[in-house]
Amino acid sequence: MLYLISKKNNYGSYGFRFQDDSRNETANIWSIGWQRQTSASYDWDGLNRSDVGTYVFQYTISGSGRLDIGEKSYPLRAGKTFVVEIPSCHRYYFSGESDHWEFVYITLVGSQATECWKYIQANGGPVLTIPPEAKLIQLLLKIYQEVCEKRVTDLYCSSAKAYEFVMECYRFMKNIDNPSKQVPDRISEAVCFIQAHYKETISLEDIANAAGLSRYYLINLFREYLNTTPLQYITKLRIEKAMDLLTQTNLSVNDIALAIGYANANYFNKVFKKLIGTSPGQFRECKNTLPTAHILIE
């Protein structure tokens, strides 16, 4: 059973509770959410919680929080992920070092989650830096979106999603010592801002302000590290989301246009056809279309 813990604007928290004991599964989702915290009341003590036997993966989108483990204190800014087991000696909280802390999280249960979290902490520690364009983060955002749209509704589906996430964690950790060119924190902040606000009307100025950069410098850094521009990145992201909605939902083309940040279906149709080579309607009707995860935008 999926139930809504809380929902406000684009943020929400969802829990999974099934009649069968999902904690005994190989892996399953316990909860998932996207939150923006601004109060010191957001403060979790790892030794004083009821959700015993769960494993938290929390990724910072913007702002900052803090994780304390023993005598060590870790700042959690955009692009930082922490992994903790409950119960264990830790505390994570909104520290007030910025005006907010926005993050997406997933909490898992099961034997595979146990082993995966041990592996991550042994090989990377409790806090990792993960670029927002990494497959692991994109998968987390995709799972959250599917949960929001009520496309993860039973024990078997949620278990499959959890196992997929665990395997992607292993893949990321395997490649952590051989990273591509390190993306600067400012670019990670810009990408996180885009990921969080692509459904809205956002400008180059908005992105630059979120990253604390001039528009000129922002464009140059995007070209250097991501081989694209900020506006091209937004377009690519929106069209990827549109393709997913076209193949996985029955939403109208106009509703999809509005859902991904376009003011009307006409403009969405033009952009989609220019990049994909066919209209959204034709793309949906084509039974032989394979899922497309990446688009090359010159």
Protein backbone atom coordinates (compact mmCIF):
# COMPACT_ATOMS: atom_id res chain seq x y z
CA MET A 1 0.00 0.00 0.00
CA LEU A 2 1.30 3.42 -1.01
CA TYR A 3 0.26 6.31 1.17
CA LEU A 4 0.92 10.03 1.05
CA ILE A 5 2.78 11.35 4.08
CA SER A 6 2.66 14.99 2.99
CA LYS A 7 2.28 17.04 -0.20
CA LYS A 8 2.76 20.74 -0.80
CA ASN A 9 3.37 22.42 -4.14
CA ASN A 10 6.00 20.32 -5.96
CA TYR A 11 7.20 18.69 -2.74
CA GLY A 12 5.92 15.50 -1.20
CA SER A 13 6.72 12.46 0.93
CA TYR A 14 5.37 8.98 0.25
CA GLY A 15 5.49 5.80 2.30
CA PHE A 16 5.07 2.14 1.31
CA ARG A 17 3.48 -0.34 3.69
CA PHE A 18 2.36 -3.78 2.54
CA GLN A 19 0.56 -6.63 4.29
CA ASP A 20 3.51 -8.88 3.50
CA ASP A 21 6.58 -7.96 5.54
CA SER A 22 8.52 -5.95 2.96
CA ARG A 23 11.45 -5.62 5.35
CA ASN A 24 12.28 -9.25 4.63
CA GLU A 25 12.46 -8.64 0.89
CA THR A 26 15.73 -8.43 -1.01
CA ALA A 27 15.09 -4.69 -1.32
CA ASN A 28 12.05 -2.47 -1.10
CA ILE A 29 11.11 1.17 -0.76
CA TRP A 30 10.09 2.32 2.71
CA SER A 31 9.65 5.99 1.84
CA ILE A 32 10.64 8.53 -0.78
CA GLY A 33 10.26 12.30 -0.96
CA TRP A 34 11.33 15.72 -2.13
CA GLN A 35 11.34 18.39 0.58
CA ARG A 36 12.34 21.98 1.25
CA GLN A 37 13.10 22.65 4.92
CA THR A 38 13.52 26.10 6.49
CA SER A 39 13.05 25.37 10.19
CA ALA A 40 15.39 24.08 12.90
CA SER A 41 12.61 21.63 13.80
CA TYR A 42 13.88 19.45 10.95
CA ASP A 43 16.30 17.42 13.06
CA TRP A 44 16.67 13.62 12.98
CA ASP A 45 18.52 11.64 15.66
CA GLY A 46 19.54 8.24 14.31
CA LEU A 47 19.18 6.59 17.71
CA ASN A 48 15.72 7.98 18.43
CA ARG A 49 13.54 6.81 15.54
CA SER A 50 10.81 4.24 15.08
CA ASP A 51 11.75 3.18 11.52
CA VAL A 52 14.35 0.67 12.69
CA GLY A 53 16.04 -1.41 9.98
CA THR A 54 15.85 1.22 7.24
CA TYR A 55 18.54 2.83 5.10
CA VAL A 56 18.47 6.51 4.10
CA PHE A 57 19.96 8.01 0.91
CA GLN A 58 19.48 11.80 0.86
CA TYR A 59 20.68 14.08 -1.94
CA THR A 60 20.91 17.87 -1.60
CA ILE A 61 19.34 19.87 -4.43
CA SER A 62 19.99 23.37 -3.08
CA GLY A 63 20.68 25.23 0.15
CA SER A 64 22.45 23.27 2.86
CA GLY A 65 22.04 21.01 5.86
CA ARG A 66 24.44 19.13 8.08
CA LEU A 67 25.24 15.56 9.11
CA ASP A 68 26.98 14.81 12.41
CA ILE A 69 28.57 11.41 13.01
CA GLY A 70 30.53 11.12 16.23
CA GLU A 71 32.89 14.09 16.39
CA LYS A 72 32.72 14.73 12.64
CA SER A 73 30.32 17.23 11.10
CA TYR A 74 29.68 17.25 7.34
CA PRO A 75 28.16 20.21 5.47
CA LEU A 76 25.57 19.06 2.95
CA ARG A 77 25.44 21.47 0.02
CA ALA A 78 24.15 20.96 -3.52
CA GLY A 79 25.48 17.72 -4.98
CA LYS A 80 26.21 16.12 -1.60
CA THR A 81 24.64 12.80 -0.65
CA PHE A 82 24.67 11.07 2.70
CA VAL A 83 23.87 7.44 3.46
CA VAL A 84 22.97 6.28 6.97
CA GLU A 85 21.47 3.24 8.64
CA ILE A 86 18.69 3.47 11.22
CA PRO A 87 19.43 3.00 14.02
CA SER A 88 23.00 4.31 14.19
CA CYS A 89 24.84 7.14 15.92
CA HIS A 90 24.19 10.10 13.64
CA ARG A 91 22.17 13.29 13.39
CA TYR A 92 21.12 15.20 10.29
CA TYR A 93 19.37 18.54 10.44
CA PHE A 94 18.72 21.97 8.94
CA SER A 95 21.59 24.00 10.37
CA GLY A 96 20.53 27.50 9.33
CA GLU A 97 23.73 28.06 7.34
CA SER A 98 21.52 28.91 4.36
CA ASP A 99 17.91 30.04 4.16
CA HIS A 100 16.69 26.56 3.17
CA TRP A 101 17.63 22.95 2.56
CA GLU A 102 16.07 21.28 -0.47
CA PHE A 103 16.68 17.59 -1.01
CA VAL A 104 15.32 14.37 -2.44
CA TYR A 105 15.59 11.15 -0.47
CA ILE A 106 14.80 7.47 -0.60
CA THR A 107 14.65 5.09 2.36
CA LEU A 108 15.03 1.37 1.65
CA VAL A 109 14.63 -1.88 3.56
CA GLY A 110 15.84 -5.40 2.86
CA SER A 111 19.01 -7.47 2.82
CA GLN A 112 20.35 -5.98 -0.41
CA ALA A 113 19.95 -2.48 0.99
CA THR A 114 21.88 -3.56 4.08
CA GLU A 115 24.81 -4.88 2.05
CA CYS A 116 24.79 -1.92 -0.34
CA TRP A 117 24.93 0.69 2.43
CA LYS A 118 27.81 -1.19 4.07
CA TYR A 119 29.65 -1.21 0.75
CA ILE A 120 29.08 2.50 0.14
CA GLN A 121 30.27 3.50 3.59
CA ALA A 122 33.32 1.22 3.42
CA ASN A 123 34.39 2.52 0.01
CA GLY A 124 33.16 6.11 -0.03
CA GLY A 125 32.25 7.08 3.51
CA PRO A 126 28.94 8.46 4.76
CA VAL A 127 29.00 11.52 2.46
CA LEU A 128 29.51 11.44 -1.31
CA THR A 129 29.68 14.09 -4.01
CA ILE A 130 27.46 13.07 -6.92
CA PRO A 131 26.86 15.28 -9.97
CA PRO A 132 23.15 15.82 -10.61
CA GLU A 133 23.45 14.44 -14.14
CA ALA A 134 24.75 11.09 -12.80
CA LYS A 135 22.56 8.09 -13.69
CA LEU A 136 22.12 7.36 -9.99
CA ILE A 137 20.54 10.75 -9.28
CA GLN A 138 18.51 10.68 -12.48
CA LEU A 139 17.14 7.28 -11.45
CA LEU A 140 16.23 8.60 -8.00
CA LEU A 141 14.35 11.52 -9.55
CA LYS A 142 12.63 9.18 -11.99
CA ILE A 143 11.46 6.86 -9.20
CA TYR A 144 10.15 9.84 -7.24
CA GLN A 145 8.26 11.08 -10.31
CA GLU A 146 6.74 7.64 -10.91
CA VAL A 147 5.63 7.43 -7.29
CA CYS A 148 4.05 10.91 -7.52
CA GLU A 149 2.14 9.77 -10.61
CA LYS A 150 0.96 6.61 -8.79
CA ARG A 151 2.83 4.32 -11.16
CA VAL A 152 4.46 2.36 -8.30
CA THR A 153 1.51 0.77 -6.55
CA ASP A 154 2.35 -2.74 -5.34
CA LEU A 155 4.98 -4.75 -3.49
CA TYR A 156 6.55 -6.20 -6.63
CA CYS A 157 6.88 -2.91 -8.48
CA SER A 158 8.36 -1.08 -5.49
CA SER A 159 10.77 -3.96 -4.87
CA ALA A 160 11.92 -3.85 -8.49
CA LYS A 161 12.52 -0.11 -8.26
CA ALA A 162 14.44 -0.50 -4.99
CA TYR A 163 16.63 -3.26 -6.43
CA GLU A 164 17.31 -1.16 -9.54
CA PHE A 165 18.39 1.72 -7.30
CA VAL A 166 20.69 -0.55 -5.27
CA MET A 167 22.35 -1.84 -8.45
CA GLU A 168 22.84 1.72 -9.70
CA CYS A 169 24.50 2.57 -6.37
CA TYR A 170 26.97 -0.25 -6.94
CA ARG A 171 27.60 0.94 -10.49
CA PHE A 172 28.31 4.46 -9.28
CA MET A 173 30.66 3.26 -6.55
CA LYS A 174 32.53 1.02 -8.99
CA ASN A 175 33.31 4.05 -11.17
CA ILE A 176 33.91 6.55 -8.37
CA ASP A 177 37.71 6.26 -8.64
CA ASN A 178 37.61 6.90 -12.38
CA PRO A 179 35.44 10.00 -12.70
CA SER A 180 35.14 12.12 -15.79
CA LYS A 181 36.17 15.75 -15.54
CA GLN A 182 35.08 16.95 -12.08
CA VAL A 183 32.08 19.25 -12.39
CA PRO A 184 32.48 22.44 -10.30
CA ASP A 185 30.09 22.90 -7.39
CA ARG A 186 28.58 25.98 -9.03
CA ILE A 187 27.58 23.96 -12.08
CA SER A 188 26.14 21.23 -9.86
CA GLU A 189 24.08 23.91 -8.12
CA ALA A 190 22.86 25.22 -11.48
CA VAL A 191 21.92 21.74 -12.70
CA CYS A 192 20.14 20.97 -9.43
CA PHE A 193 18.19 24.22 -9.80
CA ILE A 194 17.15 23.23 -13.32
CA GLN A 195 16.14 19.74 -12.16
CA ALA A 196 13.99 21.26 -9.42
CA HIS A 197 12.35 23.99 -11.52
CA TYR A 198 12.15 22.76 -15.13
CA LYS A 199 8.34 22.69 -14.82
CA GLU A 200 8.37 26.45 -14.29
CA THR A 201 9.25 29.37 -16.53
CA ILE A 202 12.94 29.88 -15.73
CA SER A 203 15.42 32.15 -17.46
CA LEU A 204 19.18 32.13 -17.89
CA GLU A 205 19.28 34.89 -15.28
CA ASP A 206 17.41 32.68 -12.79
CA ILE A 207 19.90 29.85 -13.27
CA ALA A 208 22.89 32.16 -13.00
CA ASN A 209 21.55 33.67 -9.78
CA ALA A 210 20.96 30.21 -8.30
CA ALA A 211 24.58 29.29 -9.03
CA GLY A 212 26.02 32.64 -7.98
CA LEU A 213 27.58 33.22 -11.40
CA SER A 214 27.31 35.73 -14.20
CA ARG A 215 25.38 34.57 -17.25
CA TYR A 216 28.53 34.72 -19.38
CA TYR A 217 30.58 32.59 -16.97
CA LEU A 218 27.69 30.16 -16.48
CA ILE A 219 27.42 29.54 -20.23
CA ASN A 220 31.17 29.04 -20.57
CA LEU A 221 31.29 26.55 -17.69
CA PHE A 222 28.33 24.58 -19.08
CA ARG A 223 30.05 24.34 -22.44
CA GLU A 224 33.35 23.29 -20.87
CA TYR A 225 32.02 20.65 -18.48
CA LEU A 226 28.67 19.54 -19.93
CA ASN A 227 29.22 20.26 -23.63
CA THR A 228 25.95 22.19 -23.84
CA THR A 229 24.41 25.49 -22.77
CA PRO A 230 22.04 26.01 -19.83
CA LEU A 231 19.04 26.60 -22.09
CA GLN A 232 19.86 23.55 -24.20
CA TYR A 233 20.12 21.54 -21.00
CA ILE A 234 16.63 22.66 -19.95
CA THR A 235 15.22 21.76 -23.36
CA LYS A 236 16.86 18.32 -23.30
CA LEU A 237 15.53 17.63 -19.82
CA ARG A 238 12.01 18.73 -20.71
CA ILE A 239 11.90 16.59 -23.84
CA GLU A 240 13.21 13.56 -21.94
CA LYS A 241 10.44 14.05 -19.38
CA ALA A 242 7.93 14.47 -22.20
CA MET A 243 8.95 11.20 -23.85
CA ASP A 244 8.52 9.40 -20.57
CA LEU A 245 5.04 10.89 -20.08
CA LEU A 246 4.07 10.11 -23.67
CA THR A 247 4.97 6.45 -23.30
CA GLN A 248 3.97 5.86 -19.68
CA THR A 249 0.79 7.93 -19.22
CA ASN A 250 -2.43 8.84 -21.01
CA LEU A 251 -2.01 12.59 -20.47
CA SER A 252 -2.93 14.76 -23.44
CA VAL A 253 -0.18 16.50 -25.38
CA ASN A 254 -1.36 19.84 -24.01
CA ASP A 255 -1.26 18.56 -20.42
CA ILE A 256 2.24 17.20 -20.98
CA ALA A 257 3.36 20.54 -22.40
CA LEU A 258 2.13 22.31 -19.28
CA ALA A 259 3.64 19.64 -17.01
CA ILE A 260 7.16 20.16 -18.39
CA GLY A 261 7.19 23.94 -18.41
CA TYR A 262 5.83 24.98 -21.81
CA ALA A 263 3.03 27.53 -22.02
CA ASN A 264 1.15 25.73 -24.78
CA ALA A 265 1.10 22.62 -26.94
CA ASN A 266 1.99 24.45 -30.16
CA TYR A 267 5.43 25.51 -28.98
CA PHE A 268 6.00 22.12 -27.35
CA ASN A 269 5.17 20.42 -30.67
CA LYS A 270 7.70 22.56 -32.53
CA VAL A 271 10.51 21.91 -30.05
CA PHE A 272 9.76 18.18 -29.84
CA LYS A 273 9.65 17.71 -33.61
CA LYS A 274 12.87 19.68 -34.10
CA LEU A 275 14.78 17.48 -31.65
CA ILE A 276 13.14 14.08 -32.13
CA GLY A 277 12.14 14.32 -35.78
CA THR A 278 8.49 13.52 -35.20
CA SER A 279 5.54 15.06 -33.40
CA PRO A 280 4.61 14.07 -29.83
CA GLY A 281 1.45 12.38 -31.09
CA GLN A 282 3.32 10.35 -33.70
CA PHE A 283 5.96 9.43 -31.12
CA ARG A 284 3.25 8.08 -28.81
CA GLU A 285 1.54 6.11 -31.56
CA CYS A 286 4.71 4.45 -32.84
CA LYS A 287 4.60 0.96 -31.35
CA ASN A 288 8.19 0.22 -32.32
CA THR A 289 9.70 3.19 -30.53
CA LEU A 290 12.40 2.22 -28.06
CA PRO A 291 12.80 4.17 -24.80
CA THR A 292 15.28 7.00 -25.29
CA ALA A 293 17.29 8.04 -22.26
CA HIS A 294 19.63 10.54 -23.89
CA ILE A 295 19.30 13.09 -26.66
CA LEU A 296 22.18 14.65 -28.56
CA ILE A 297 21.54 18.37 -28.95
CA GLU A 298 24.04 20.18 -31.14
